[in-house]
Amino acid sequence: MVSPDPTVEPIECRVSTWYFRRMGILSGMLLLMGLYFLYDGRYGYPAANEVAEKKVWFEQELLKSYDAAKALGRLEAWTAEASANGWPFGKNGEAPRWVSYAAANGWPEKPHRYTEREITEQFWWGGGTVLAAMATAGLMLFNRRRVLRCGSGHWITPEGETVSFADVYRIDKRPWDHKGLAYAWHRNSEGREKRAVIDDLKFVGAGRILDRLLANFQGELIEKAPEVEESGEKPPTDAA
């Protein structure tokens, strides 16, 4: 058990507003995507198939009836029948055109027919994405009471584990400048090696904990990534 030093101010870092905003946006995006998938499976894809079937009817039935009426010299009667039934027909005896018929109804010129498998997949994707949105929202609510604490010679992780500064033997702060992350390797009471994360983006003020740890640290500090040479060849040397 680590004895507290009353002369050292304790540090308490709560979950940041940025974390909740990010998780909330992610949860909302997943929910909207899931609802979109479900909408396509229930309404969008079946509606597209209806348009595709309408084009098949247009090409295989309507145009054939037009050609037959034209061959028999009954275009006027066919046009009157088409008008009465709400069928498309061309002007001045011309053949009806799918492009014009589709445009008048707001349909695509080349409608796509979806298979039953593709429609079923939309429900699977929709259900899975909605569940992911619920899981993200649940994780956000679960983390709202988590706190990162630090005393004079130790800190307490959000999971409740106490890590003594004296047990830390390696710190990697390479991701700190870009991601606000630092990793501290330490040995617990059983001698097992573990890694603790100090997350300054998720917990407001976690940088103060890292500063206090570094001020009491004597182990290996990793601050820069090793430089990688562009070529493995050695530079040429002058001949003797």
Protein backbone atom coordinates (compact mmCIF):
# COMPACT_ATOMS: atom_id res chain seq x y z
CA MET A 1 0.00 0.00 0.00
CA VAL A 2 1.38 3.37 -1.04
CA SER A 3 1.45 5.91 1.80
CA PRO A 4 0.11 9.31 0.72
CA ASP A 5 2.18 12.45 1.24
CA PRO A 6 -0.14 15.19 2.57
CA THR A 7 2.22 17.89 1.28
CA VAL A 8 1.70 16.84 -2.34
CA GLU A 9 -1.51 17.96 -4.01
CA PRO A 10 -3.52 15.01 -5.40
CA ILE A 11 -4.46 15.11 -9.08
CA GLU A 12 -7.86 14.02 -10.31
CA CYS A 13 -8.55 13.78 -14.04
CA ARG A 14 -12.08 13.22 -15.28
CA VAL A 15 -13.19 12.20 -18.74
CA SER A 16 -12.97 15.11 -21.17
CA THR A 17 -15.80 16.75 -23.07
CA TRP A 18 -13.86 15.97 -26.26
CA TYR A 19 -14.17 12.23 -25.57
CA PHE A 20 -17.94 12.44 -25.08
CA ARG A 21 -18.31 14.58 -28.19
CA ARG A 22 -16.29 12.16 -30.29
CA MET A 23 -18.09 9.09 -28.99
CA GLY A 24 -21.46 10.80 -29.36
CA ILE A 25 -20.73 11.71 -32.97
CA LEU A 26 -19.52 8.17 -33.68
CA SER A 27 -22.61 6.66 -32.09
CA GLY A 28 -24.88 9.00 -34.05
CA MET A 29 -23.13 8.24 -37.34
CA LEU A 30 -23.41 4.49 -36.75
CA LEU A 31 -27.09 4.84 -35.90
CA LEU A 32 -27.81 6.85 -39.05
CA MET A 33 -25.90 4.34 -41.17
CA GLY A 34 -27.81 1.46 -39.61
CA LEU A 35 -31.17 3.14 -40.21
CA TYR A 36 -30.14 3.85 -43.79
CA PHE A 37 -29.31 0.17 -44.34
CA LEU A 38 -32.63 -0.87 -42.84
CA TYR A 39 -34.50 1.67 -44.96
CA ASP A 40 -32.86 0.36 -48.13
CA GLY A 41 -33.72 -3.21 -47.21
CA ARG A 42 -37.35 -2.37 -46.43
CA TYR A 43 -38.10 0.35 -48.98
CA GLY A 44 -35.16 1.46 -51.15
CA TYR A 45 -34.14 -1.83 -52.81
CA PRO A 46 -37.74 -3.08 -53.35
CA ALA A 47 -38.62 0.28 -54.92
CA ALA A 48 -35.58 0.01 -57.22
CA ASN A 49 -36.71 -3.49 -58.22
CA GLU A 50 -40.16 -2.15 -59.09
CA VAL A 51 -38.56 0.34 -61.47
CA ALA A 52 -36.43 -2.43 -63.00
CA GLU A 53 -39.57 -4.53 -63.50
CA LYS A 54 -41.29 -1.52 -65.04
CA LYS A 55 -38.50 -1.25 -67.60
CA VAL A 56 -38.88 -4.95 -68.44
CA TRP A 57 -42.63 -4.38 -68.95
CA PHE A 58 -41.88 -1.33 -71.09
CA GLU A 59 -39.46 -3.15 -73.37
CA GLN A 60 -41.13 -6.56 -73.57
CA GLU A 61 -44.81 -5.66 -73.55
CA LEU A 62 -45.46 -2.01 -74.27
CA LEU A 63 -43.05 -1.63 -77.20
CA LYS A 64 -44.19 -4.94 -78.68
CA SER A 65 -47.82 -3.83 -78.55
CA TYR A 66 -46.80 -0.55 -80.20
CA ASP A 67 -44.95 -2.38 -82.98
CA ALA A 68 -47.93 -4.68 -83.53
CA ALA A 69 -50.36 -1.76 -83.70
CA LYS A 70 -48.09 0.08 -86.12
CA ALA A 71 -47.82 -2.98 -88.35
CA LEU A 72 -51.64 -3.25 -88.44
CA GLY A 73 -52.16 0.47 -89.01
CA ARG A 74 -53.89 0.92 -85.62
CA LEU A 75 -51.60 3.54 -84.08
CA GLU A 76 -54.43 5.98 -83.36
CA ALA A 77 -56.43 3.33 -81.53
CA TRP A 78 -53.31 2.18 -79.67
CA THR A 79 -52.49 5.78 -78.64
CA ALA A 80 -56.03 6.29 -77.37
CA GLU A 81 -55.83 3.06 -75.39
CA ALA A 82 -52.39 4.01 -73.99
CA SER A 83 -53.71 7.42 -72.94
CA ALA A 84 -56.74 5.87 -71.24
CA ASN A 85 -54.55 3.38 -69.34
CA GLY A 86 -51.89 5.90 -68.39
CA TRP A 87 -49.25 4.25 -70.56
CA PRO A 88 -46.43 6.28 -72.08
CA PHE A 89 -46.74 7.06 -75.79
CA GLY A 90 -44.72 9.08 -78.25
CA LYS A 91 -45.77 12.24 -80.02
CA ASN A 92 -47.05 12.20 -83.59
CA GLY A 93 -47.12 8.44 -83.74
CA GLU A 94 -43.53 7.96 -82.62
CA ALA A 95 -42.57 5.03 -80.42
CA PRO A 96 -42.55 5.72 -76.69
CA ARG A 97 -39.08 6.16 -75.20
CA TRP A 98 -38.00 4.74 -71.85
CA VAL A 99 -35.68 7.69 -71.22
CA SER A 100 -38.59 10.13 -71.38
CA TYR A 101 -40.88 7.87 -69.36
CA ALA A 102 -38.25 7.36 -66.65
CA ALA A 103 -37.38 11.06 -66.47
CA ALA A 104 -41.05 12.01 -66.09
CA ASN A 105 -41.31 9.70 -63.09
CA GLY A 106 -37.93 10.52 -61.54
CA TRP A 107 -36.54 7.05 -62.26
CA PRO A 108 -32.98 6.22 -63.31
CA GLU A 109 -32.34 5.54 -66.97
CA LYS A 110 -30.65 2.24 -66.11
CA PRO A 111 -32.37 0.85 -63.01
CA HIS A 112 -30.56 -1.83 -61.02
CA ARG A 113 -32.27 -5.01 -59.89
CA TYR A 114 -31.25 -6.23 -56.45
CA THR A 115 -31.24 -9.90 -55.53
CA GLU A 116 -32.94 -11.34 -52.46
CA ARG A 117 -29.50 -11.89 -50.98
CA GLU A 118 -28.57 -8.23 -51.42
CA ILE A 119 -31.82 -7.16 -49.76
CA THR A 120 -31.26 -9.55 -46.85
CA GLU A 121 -27.70 -8.26 -46.44
CA GLN A 122 -29.05 -4.75 -45.91
CA PHE A 123 -30.97 -5.97 -42.86
CA TRP A 124 -27.88 -7.72 -41.52
CA TRP A 125 -25.72 -4.63 -42.05
CA GLY A 126 -28.42 -2.39 -40.58
CA GLY A 127 -28.93 -4.54 -37.50
CA GLY A 128 -25.19 -4.89 -36.92
CA THR A 129 -24.53 -1.17 -37.31
CA VAL A 130 -27.39 -0.22 -34.98
CA LEU A 131 -26.00 -2.64 -32.38
CA ALA A 132 -22.57 -1.04 -32.82
CA ALA A 133 -24.15 2.38 -32.22
CA MET A 134 -25.79 1.10 -29.04
CA ALA A 135 -22.51 -0.44 -27.87
CA THR A 136 -20.67 2.84 -28.50
CA ALA A 137 -23.30 4.78 -26.57
CA GLY A 138 -23.12 2.22 -23.76
CA LEU A 139 -19.34 2.53 -23.60
CA MET A 140 -19.65 6.30 -23.45
CA LEU A 141 -22.08 6.06 -20.52
CA PHE A 142 -19.88 3.47 -18.83
CA ASN A 143 -16.86 5.79 -18.98
CA ARG A 144 -18.63 8.90 -17.72
CA ARG A 145 -17.79 8.12 -14.06
CA ARG A 146 -14.22 6.95 -14.65
CA VAL A 147 -11.45 8.99 -13.06
CA LEU A 148 -7.65 8.95 -13.36
CA ARG A 149 -6.06 9.84 -10.01
CA CYS A 150 -2.53 10.54 -8.86
CA GLY A 151 -0.91 10.90 -5.44
CA SER A 152 2.62 11.69 -4.33
CA GLY A 153 4.27 8.47 -5.45
CA HIS A 154 1.64 6.59 -7.43
CA TRP A 155 -1.33 6.90 -9.69
CA ILE A 156 -4.60 4.97 -9.88
CA THR A 157 -5.79 3.88 -13.29
CA PRO A 158 -9.47 4.27 -14.31
CA GLU A 159 -9.79 0.51 -13.75
CA GLY A 160 -8.78 0.96 -10.12
CA GLU A 161 -5.23 -0.41 -10.30
CA THR A 162 -2.61 1.40 -8.22
CA VAL A 163 0.73 1.87 -10.00
CA SER A 164 3.69 2.97 -7.92
CA PHE A 165 6.21 5.31 -9.54
CA ALA A 166 8.98 3.11 -8.15
CA ASP A 167 7.65 0.09 -10.07
CA VAL A 168 7.80 1.83 -13.47
CA TYR A 169 10.89 0.85 -15.46
CA ARG A 170 10.07 2.08 -18.97
CA ILE A 171 8.08 5.00 -20.38
CA ASP A 172 7.24 5.45 -24.05
CA LYS A 173 6.04 8.98 -24.81
CA ARG A 174 6.54 8.97 -28.57
CA PRO A 175 2.78 9.25 -29.28
CA TRP A 176 2.36 12.07 -26.77
CA ASP A 177 2.76 15.07 -29.08
CA HIS A 178 0.33 13.74 -31.70
CA LYS A 179 -2.10 11.51 -29.78
CA GLY A 180 -1.72 12.58 -26.15
CA LEU A 181 -0.74 9.01 -25.18
CA ALA A 182 2.09 7.70 -23.03
CA TYR A 183 2.75 4.09 -22.06
CA ALA A 184 4.33 3.07 -18.75
CA TRP A 185 5.62 -0.45 -18.20
CA HIS A 186 5.72 -1.55 -14.59
CA ARG A 187 5.88 -4.64 -12.38
CA ASN A 188 2.97 -5.35 -10.11
CA SER A 189 3.09 -6.85 -6.62
CA GLU A 190 3.33 -10.34 -8.11
CA GLY A 191 6.30 -9.38 -10.28
CA ARG A 192 4.34 -9.53 -13.53
CA GLU A 193 5.09 -6.94 -16.20
CA LYS A 194 2.16 -4.79 -17.25
CA ARG A 195 1.55 -1.70 -19.33
CA ALA A 196 -0.48 1.28 -18.16
CA VAL A 197 -1.78 4.02 -20.46
CA ILE A 198 -1.83 7.74 -19.65
CA ASP A 199 -4.35 9.31 -22.04
CA ASP A 200 -4.39 13.11 -22.05
CA LEU A 201 -7.14 13.35 -24.67
CA LYS A 202 -9.57 11.18 -22.77
CA PHE A 203 -8.73 12.45 -19.26
CA VAL A 204 -8.39 16.18 -18.72
CA GLY A 205 -5.06 17.07 -17.10
CA ALA A 206 -3.41 13.66 -17.49
CA GLY A 207 -0.28 15.51 -18.61
CA ARG A 208 0.23 16.62 -15.00
CA ILE A 209 0.35 12.97 -13.96
CA LEU A 210 2.94 12.23 -16.64
CA ASP A 211 5.04 15.21 -15.50
CA ARG A 212 4.93 14.00 -11.89
CA LEU A 213 5.87 10.48 -12.98
CA LEU A 214 8.80 11.73 -15.06
CA ALA A 215 10.04 13.84 -12.16
CA ASN A 216 10.33 10.66 -10.08
CA PHE A 217 11.52 8.34 -12.86
CA GLN A 218 14.93 6.72 -13.24
CA GLY A 219 14.26 4.05 -15.87
CA GLU A 220 14.25 3.89 -19.68
CA LEU A 221 12.58 6.85 -21.41
CA ILE A 222 11.64 6.49 -25.08
CA GLU A 223 10.97 9.87 -26.66
CA LYS A 224 11.89 9.58 -30.35
CA ALA A 225 11.35 6.93 -32.99
CA PRO A 226 14.61 5.47 -34.31
CA GLU A 227 15.76 7.08 -37.53
CA VAL A 228 15.44 4.82 -40.56
CA GLU A 229 18.08 5.12 -43.24
CA GLU A 230 16.72 5.50 -46.76
CA SER A 231 19.22 2.97 -48.11
CA GLY A 232 20.94 0.04 -46.49
CA GLU A 233 24.09 0.63 -48.54
CA LYS A 234 27.14 2.03 -46.82
CA PRO A 235 28.53 5.29 -48.21
CA PRO A 236 31.51 4.77 -50.51
CA THR A 237 34.99 5.35 -49.07
CA ASP A 238 37.96 6.85 -50.88
CA ALA A 239 40.42 4.32 -52.21
CA ALA A 240 43.81 4.36 -50.55
